[in-house]
Amino acid sequence: MSIIAEMPGIFQVLSDYTVKRFPVPTAAASPDFSNGYKSKDVVIDDTKPVTARIYVPDTGDQLRPLPVIVYFHGGGFYVCSTTWTSYDRFLGGLCAKSQALILSVDYRLAPEHKIPAAYDDCYSSLQWLASNSGAEAWLERADLSRVFLSGESAGGNIVHHVMLRVIRDRIEGVSIVGLMITHPSFGGEERLEYEKAEGFERRAGMADVAWRLSLPEGADRDHWASNFEKGEAALDWRKFPAAKVFLAGLDFLKERGIKYAEFLEKNGVEVEVAVTEGQDHAFHVVSPDSQAATRLLQGQMAEFVLRH
């Protein structure tokens, strides 16, 4: 069996479109305050299973209500976990800097669980949040009138589609006031100029593999999950909250992200775009302690939360 895509030490995709995932350094939850936050693992749905990690900021003696960030990790829908050390470090820092509770969700992965499994799991995490905020002690200060959805890469795609479902189906008790979408992963059958640029051939091939693994059988990249322009035409866009789209200057998906922001703006959504120049896709996951991750991305995300 030949290898058609890989990141050494992380995963291999074989020619029959099975995925080999290799052990990656993980971080245990930290039940005591350290570096400005503590964390705890919880079960969202033990029948699938879907789990999550809660981060709580150290606010000292101030027992004020706290905004909530619900975070969906990236990984092309088929790799990564909220327990990876890199995610844990970045989200712990974001928790402390934004003074927000964070619920970081481990959804089911493709190809074992193709789209819409990830959307279903992440939507159900909001239902779990609404149902358990009074019963889970670590959520007792959660201000469910100030909930933010956030995620990078495939997670940014999930943010968009979960928000569409929230508008369509509603979740009582949870008010989503903002979206923070980082390096979002969208696609289409037609390649954009940036995607066709010299040097990006390997990344284009990797993206094709990711969509082949995650989309329903027989679907192409113009499926509504991949191509945001093929989504719900009858949506009441007035209910779509303010969004901030974070892009990286060297990212293969940068142009697609710009078009996504333009799409939201065309539909009347309040949207901001922030580009971190000189950085590549998911740089905050690759280097969660870098200045770009901590001072730029974390800082801008914290500012967005404090402003809404």
Protein backbone atom coordinates (compact mmCIF):
# COMPACT_ATOMS: atom_id res chain seq x y z
CA MET A 1 0.00 0.00 0.00
CA SER A 2 1.53 3.34 -1.01
CA ILE A 3 1.49 6.61 0.97
CA ILE A 4 -0.40 9.42 -0.79
CA ALA A 5 -0.14 12.08 1.95
CA GLU A 6 1.70 12.40 5.23
CA MET A 7 3.11 14.58 7.95
CA PRO A 8 6.03 12.59 9.36
CA GLY A 9 5.43 11.53 12.92
CA ILE A 10 1.80 12.67 12.85
CA PHE A 11 -0.13 10.77 10.16
CA GLN A 12 -0.02 8.88 6.90
CA VAL A 13 -2.82 8.50 4.36
CA LEU A 14 -2.56 5.29 2.38
CA SER A 15 -3.71 4.69 -1.19
CA ASP A 16 -6.90 2.99 0.01
CA TYR A 17 -7.70 6.22 1.91
CA THR A 18 -7.18 4.77 5.35
CA VAL A 19 -5.37 6.93 7.90
CA LYS A 20 -2.54 5.88 10.17
CA ARG A 21 -2.31 8.25 13.14
CA PHE A 22 0.88 8.21 15.21
CA PRO A 23 1.22 9.03 18.92
CA VAL A 24 1.66 12.77 19.45
CA PRO A 25 2.68 14.47 22.74
CA THR A 26 -0.41 15.16 24.82
CA ALA A 27 -1.01 17.19 27.95
CA ALA A 28 -3.05 16.03 30.91
CA ALA A 29 -5.66 18.36 32.33
CA SER A 30 -4.43 20.59 35.19
CA PRO A 31 -7.01 20.70 38.01
CA ASP A 32 -5.09 23.35 39.99
CA PHE A 33 -4.38 26.90 38.85
CA SER A 34 -1.08 27.35 37.05
CA ASN A 35 -0.04 30.05 34.56
CA GLY A 36 -3.38 31.76 35.07
CA TYR A 37 -5.78 28.88 34.41
CA LYS A 38 -6.84 25.34 35.33
CA SER A 39 -8.40 22.61 33.18
CA LYS A 40 -10.60 19.54 33.40
CA ASP A 41 -11.76 16.85 30.93
CA VAL A 42 -15.47 16.12 30.56
CA VAL A 43 -17.63 13.74 28.52
CA ILE A 44 -20.08 15.32 26.09
CA ASP A 45 -21.53 12.07 24.73
CA ASP A 46 -20.20 8.69 25.88
CA THR A 47 -22.07 6.81 23.15
CA LYS A 48 -19.98 8.22 20.26
CA PRO A 49 -17.73 9.17 22.19
CA VAL A 50 -17.30 12.95 22.26
CA THR A 51 -15.23 14.62 24.98
CA ALA A 52 -14.02 18.12 25.78
CA ARG A 53 -11.58 20.03 27.97
CA ILE A 54 -12.77 22.95 30.11
CA TYR A 55 -10.35 25.81 30.85
CA VAL A 56 -11.12 28.22 33.70
CA PRO A 57 -9.16 31.47 34.19
CA ASP A 58 -7.73 32.50 37.55
CA THR A 59 -9.63 35.69 38.41
CA GLY A 60 -8.45 35.88 42.00
CA ASP A 61 -11.23 36.94 44.35
CA GLN A 62 -13.40 38.31 41.56
CA LEU A 63 -16.31 35.91 41.11
CA ARG A 64 -17.87 37.68 38.13
CA PRO A 65 -19.65 35.81 35.29
CA LEU A 66 -17.25 34.76 32.54
CA PRO A 67 -17.76 34.70 28.75
CA VAL A 68 -17.43 31.28 27.12
CA ILE A 69 -15.33 30.32 24.08
CA VAL A 70 -16.29 27.01 22.47
CA TYR A 71 -13.26 25.87 20.47
CA PHE A 72 -13.10 23.34 17.61
CA HIS A 73 -9.60 22.10 16.69
CA GLY A 74 -8.36 21.73 13.12
CA GLY A 75 -6.65 18.85 11.34
CA GLY A 76 -8.52 18.43 8.06
CA PHE A 77 -11.37 16.67 9.92
CA TYR A 78 -9.20 13.53 10.16
CA VAL A 79 -6.40 14.22 12.66
CA CYS A 80 -5.58 16.24 15.83
CA SER A 81 -7.08 16.35 19.31
CA THR A 82 -7.78 18.96 21.95
CA THR A 83 -5.45 16.99 24.25
CA TRP A 84 -2.39 17.63 22.05
CA THR A 85 0.19 19.61 24.01
CA SER A 86 0.25 22.40 21.41
CA TYR A 87 -3.51 22.98 21.63
CA ASP A 88 -3.46 22.76 25.42
CA ARG A 89 -0.74 25.41 25.69
CA PHE A 90 -2.36 27.79 23.23
CA LEU A 91 -5.86 27.49 24.70
CA GLY A 92 -4.61 27.72 28.27
CA GLY A 93 -2.87 30.97 27.37
CA LEU A 94 -5.96 32.24 25.57
CA CYS A 95 -8.08 31.41 28.62
CA ALA A 96 -5.82 33.43 30.91
CA LYS A 97 -5.48 36.37 28.50
CA SER A 98 -9.17 36.65 27.55
CA GLN A 99 -10.46 35.85 31.07
CA ALA A 100 -12.97 33.52 29.44
CA LEU A 101 -14.02 29.95 30.09
CA ILE A 102 -13.08 27.68 27.19
CA LEU A 103 -14.77 24.44 26.15
CA SER A 104 -12.44 22.69 23.66
CA VAL A 105 -14.24 19.87 21.87
CA ASP A 106 -12.86 16.51 20.68
CA TYR A 107 -15.24 15.54 17.89
CA ARG A 108 -15.20 12.29 15.89
CA LEU A 109 -12.73 12.12 13.02
CA ALA A 110 -12.94 11.14 9.35
CA PRO A 111 -12.75 8.90 7.43
CA GLU A 112 -14.26 6.68 10.12
CA HIS A 113 -16.86 9.40 10.71
CA LYS A 114 -17.41 11.57 7.66
CA ILE A 115 -19.14 14.96 7.53
CA PRO A 116 -21.63 15.80 9.02
CA ALA A 117 -20.37 13.86 12.09
CA ALA A 118 -18.03 16.68 13.16
CA TYR A 119 -20.82 19.24 12.75
CA ASP A 120 -23.25 17.07 14.73
CA ASP A 121 -20.75 16.54 17.57
CA CYS A 122 -19.83 20.21 17.84
CA TYR A 123 -23.46 21.31 17.74
CA SER A 124 -24.22 18.79 20.48
CA SER A 125 -21.44 20.35 22.58
CA LEU A 126 -23.49 23.56 22.66
CA GLN A 127 -26.56 21.59 23.74
CA TRP A 128 -24.43 19.96 26.46
CA LEU A 129 -23.19 23.39 27.57
CA ALA A 130 -26.74 24.70 27.86
CA SER A 131 -27.87 21.61 29.80
CA ASN A 132 -24.88 21.30 32.14
CA SER A 133 -23.90 24.86 33.01
CA GLY A 134 -25.85 24.58 36.26
CA ALA A 135 -24.74 21.05 37.12
CA GLU A 136 -21.03 21.17 36.26
CA ALA A 137 -19.18 23.08 38.99
CA TRP A 138 -16.49 24.27 36.58
CA LEU A 139 -19.18 26.02 34.53
CA GLU A 140 -20.99 27.71 37.39
CA ARG A 141 -19.65 31.13 36.35
CA ALA A 142 -20.35 30.63 32.64
CA ASP A 143 -22.19 33.58 31.12
CA LEU A 144 -24.22 31.84 28.42
CA SER A 145 -25.40 35.20 27.11
CA ARG A 146 -21.80 35.78 25.89
CA VAL A 147 -20.74 32.65 24.00
CA PHE A 148 -18.13 32.72 21.23
CA LEU A 149 -17.40 30.00 18.69
CA SER A 150 -13.80 29.62 17.57
CA GLY A 151 -11.59 27.19 15.69
CA GLU A 152 -8.77 26.95 13.19
CA SER A 153 -8.55 25.28 9.77
CA ALA A 154 -11.20 22.52 9.70
CA GLY A 155 -12.33 23.92 13.05
CA GLY A 156 -12.97 27.29 11.39
CA ASN A 157 -15.11 25.50 8.82
CA ILE A 158 -16.98 23.82 11.69
CA VAL A 159 -17.63 27.19 13.35
CA HIS A 160 -19.37 28.41 10.20
CA HIS A 161 -21.55 25.34 9.78
CA VAL A 162 -22.44 25.01 13.45
CA MET A 163 -23.52 28.66 13.43
CA LEU A 164 -25.76 28.04 10.42
CA ARG A 165 -27.39 25.18 12.31
CA VAL A 166 -27.83 27.28 15.46
CA ILE A 167 -29.66 29.90 13.38
CA ARG A 168 -31.85 27.22 11.80
CA ASP A 169 -32.57 25.05 14.85
CA ARG A 170 -31.87 27.32 17.85
CA ILE A 171 -30.45 26.27 21.20
CA GLU A 172 -32.34 27.58 24.20
CA GLY A 173 -30.21 29.22 26.86
CA VAL A 174 -27.13 29.94 24.73
CA SER A 175 -26.54 33.26 22.98
CA ILE A 176 -23.64 33.31 20.50
CA VAL A 177 -22.34 36.86 20.21
CA GLY A 178 -19.20 36.39 18.14
CA LEU A 179 -17.16 34.07 15.92
CA MET A 180 -13.35 33.87 15.81
CA ILE A 181 -12.42 31.94 12.68
CA THR A 182 -8.73 31.21 12.19
CA HIS A 183 -7.20 30.09 8.88
CA PRO A 184 -10.52 28.53 7.80
CA SER A 185 -10.51 25.45 5.56
CA PHE A 186 -12.92 25.81 2.66
CA GLY A 187 -12.63 24.65 -0.92
CA GLY A 188 -14.15 24.45 -4.37
CA GLU A 189 -13.69 22.54 -7.59
CA GLU A 190 -12.21 25.65 -9.20
CA ARG A 191 -8.71 26.43 -7.94
CA LEU A 192 -8.08 30.03 -6.88
CA GLU A 193 -4.97 31.84 -8.07
CA TYR A 194 -3.18 31.50 -4.73
CA GLU A 195 -3.97 27.79 -4.68
CA LYS A 196 -2.44 27.39 -8.14
CA ALA A 197 0.72 29.33 -7.26
CA GLU A 198 4.08 27.66 -7.78
CA GLY A 199 5.22 25.83 -4.68
CA PHE A 200 1.71 25.04 -3.47
CA GLU A 201 1.21 21.88 -5.55
CA ARG A 202 1.85 19.58 -2.57
CA ARG A 203 -0.53 21.52 -0.35
CA ALA A 204 -3.23 21.46 -3.02
CA GLY A 205 -2.84 17.70 -3.19
CA MET A 206 -3.01 17.41 0.61
CA ALA A 207 -6.22 19.49 0.61
CA ASP A 208 -7.74 17.25 -2.04
CA VAL A 209 -6.92 14.21 0.11
CA ALA A 210 -8.46 15.84 3.19
CA TRP A 211 -11.72 16.55 1.40
CA ARG A 212 -11.78 13.04 -0.11
CA LEU A 213 -11.43 11.64 3.42
CA SER A 214 -14.01 13.86 5.08
CA LEU A 215 -16.79 14.55 2.56
CA PRO A 216 -19.67 12.10 2.03
CA GLU A 217 -19.02 9.39 -0.55
CA GLY A 218 -19.33 10.71 -4.10
CA ALA A 219 -19.18 14.40 -3.11
CA ASP A 220 -16.67 16.81 -4.64
CA ARG A 221 -15.22 20.07 -3.31
CA ASP A 222 -18.33 22.00 -4.38
CA HIS A 223 -20.30 20.16 -1.70
CA TRP A 224 -21.91 22.66 0.70
CA ALA A 225 -19.59 21.58 3.52
CA SER A 226 -16.54 22.63 1.53
CA ASN A 227 -17.83 25.47 -0.65
CA PHE A 228 -19.51 28.12 1.55
CA GLU A 229 -21.23 29.63 -1.50
CA LYS A 230 -23.24 26.42 -1.92
CA GLY A 231 -24.81 26.75 1.54
CA GLU A 232 -28.24 27.78 2.75
CA ALA A 233 -29.60 30.45 0.42
CA ALA A 234 -32.65 31.15 2.60
CA LEU A 235 -30.68 31.84 5.78
CA ASP A 236 -31.63 34.90 7.85
CA TRP A 237 -28.17 36.46 7.88
CA ARG A 238 -29.32 39.10 10.37
CA LYS A 239 -28.94 36.39 13.01
CA PHE A 240 -25.32 35.66 12.09
CA PRO A 241 -23.13 37.24 14.79
CA ALA A 242 -20.08 39.47 14.37
CA ALA A 243 -17.10 37.56 13.03
CA LYS A 244 -13.36 38.07 13.03
CA VAL A 245 -11.44 36.08 10.42
CA PHE A 246 -7.77 35.53 11.20
CA LEU A 247 -5.50 34.73 8.25
CA ALA A 248 -1.79 34.00 7.83
CA GLY A 249 0.22 35.76 5.14
CA LEU A 250 1.96 32.62 3.86
CA ASP A 251 -1.06 30.32 4.13
CA PHE A 252 -2.14 28.27 1.12
CA LEU A 253 -5.74 28.99 2.20
CA LYS A 254 -5.35 32.76 2.62
CA GLU A 255 -7.18 33.74 -0.59
CA ARG A 256 -10.05 31.38 0.22
CA GLY A 257 -10.28 33.00 3.66
CA ILE A 258 -10.45 36.49 2.15
CA LYS A 259 -13.26 35.37 -0.13
CA TYR A 260 -15.09 33.88 2.86
CA ALA A 261 -14.89 37.21 4.72
CA GLU A 262 -16.17 39.00 1.60
CA PHE A 263 -19.02 36.48 1.38
CA LEU A 264 -20.05 37.23 4.97
CA GLU A 265 -19.82 40.98 4.40
CA LYS A 266 -21.93 40.72 1.24
CA ASN A 267 -24.62 39.05 3.35
CA GLY A 268 -24.62 41.89 5.87
CA VAL A 269 -22.49 40.25 8.56
CA GLU A 270 -20.24 42.50 10.65
CA VAL A 271 -16.82 41.06 9.82
CA GLU A 272 -13.19 41.99 10.48
CA VAL A 273 -10.10 40.47 8.89
CA ALA A 274 -6.69 40.27 10.57
CA VAL A 275 -3.66 38.97 8.65
CA THR A 276 -0.52 37.83 10.46
CA GLU A 277 2.17 38.48 7.89
CA GLY A 278 5.17 36.17 7.60
CA GLN A 279 3.31 33.26 9.21
CA ASP A 280 1.93 30.03 7.77
CA HIS A 281 -1.17 27.92 8.29
CA ALA A 282 -1.99 27.11 11.94
CA PHE A 283 1.27 28.67 13.15
CA HIS A 284 -0.18 28.93 16.67
CA VAL A 285 -0.55 25.14 16.81
CA VAL A 286 2.95 24.53 15.45
CA SER A 287 4.50 27.10 17.83
CA PRO A 288 1.98 27.91 20.59
CA ASP A 289 4.54 29.87 22.64
CA SER A 290 5.80 32.02 19.78
CA GLN A 291 5.37 35.79 19.81
CA ALA A 292 3.04 35.54 16.81
CA ALA A 293 0.81 33.11 18.71
CA THR A 294 0.82 34.80 22.11
CA ARG A 295 1.11 38.52 21.44
CA LEU A 296 -0.65 38.70 18.10
CA LEU A 297 -3.26 35.96 17.77
CA GLN A 298 -4.07 35.44 21.46
CA GLY A 299 -4.04 39.18 22.04
CA GLN A 300 -6.37 39.95 19.14
CA MET A 301 -8.73 37.14 20.12
CA ALA A 302 -8.83 38.36 23.73
CA GLU A 303 -9.53 41.89 22.55
CA PHE A 304 -12.42 40.64 20.38
CA VAL A 305 -13.95 38.81 23.37
CA LEU A 306 -13.61 41.80 25.68
CA ARG A 307 -15.26 44.04 23.07
CA HIS A 308 -18.39 41.89 22.57
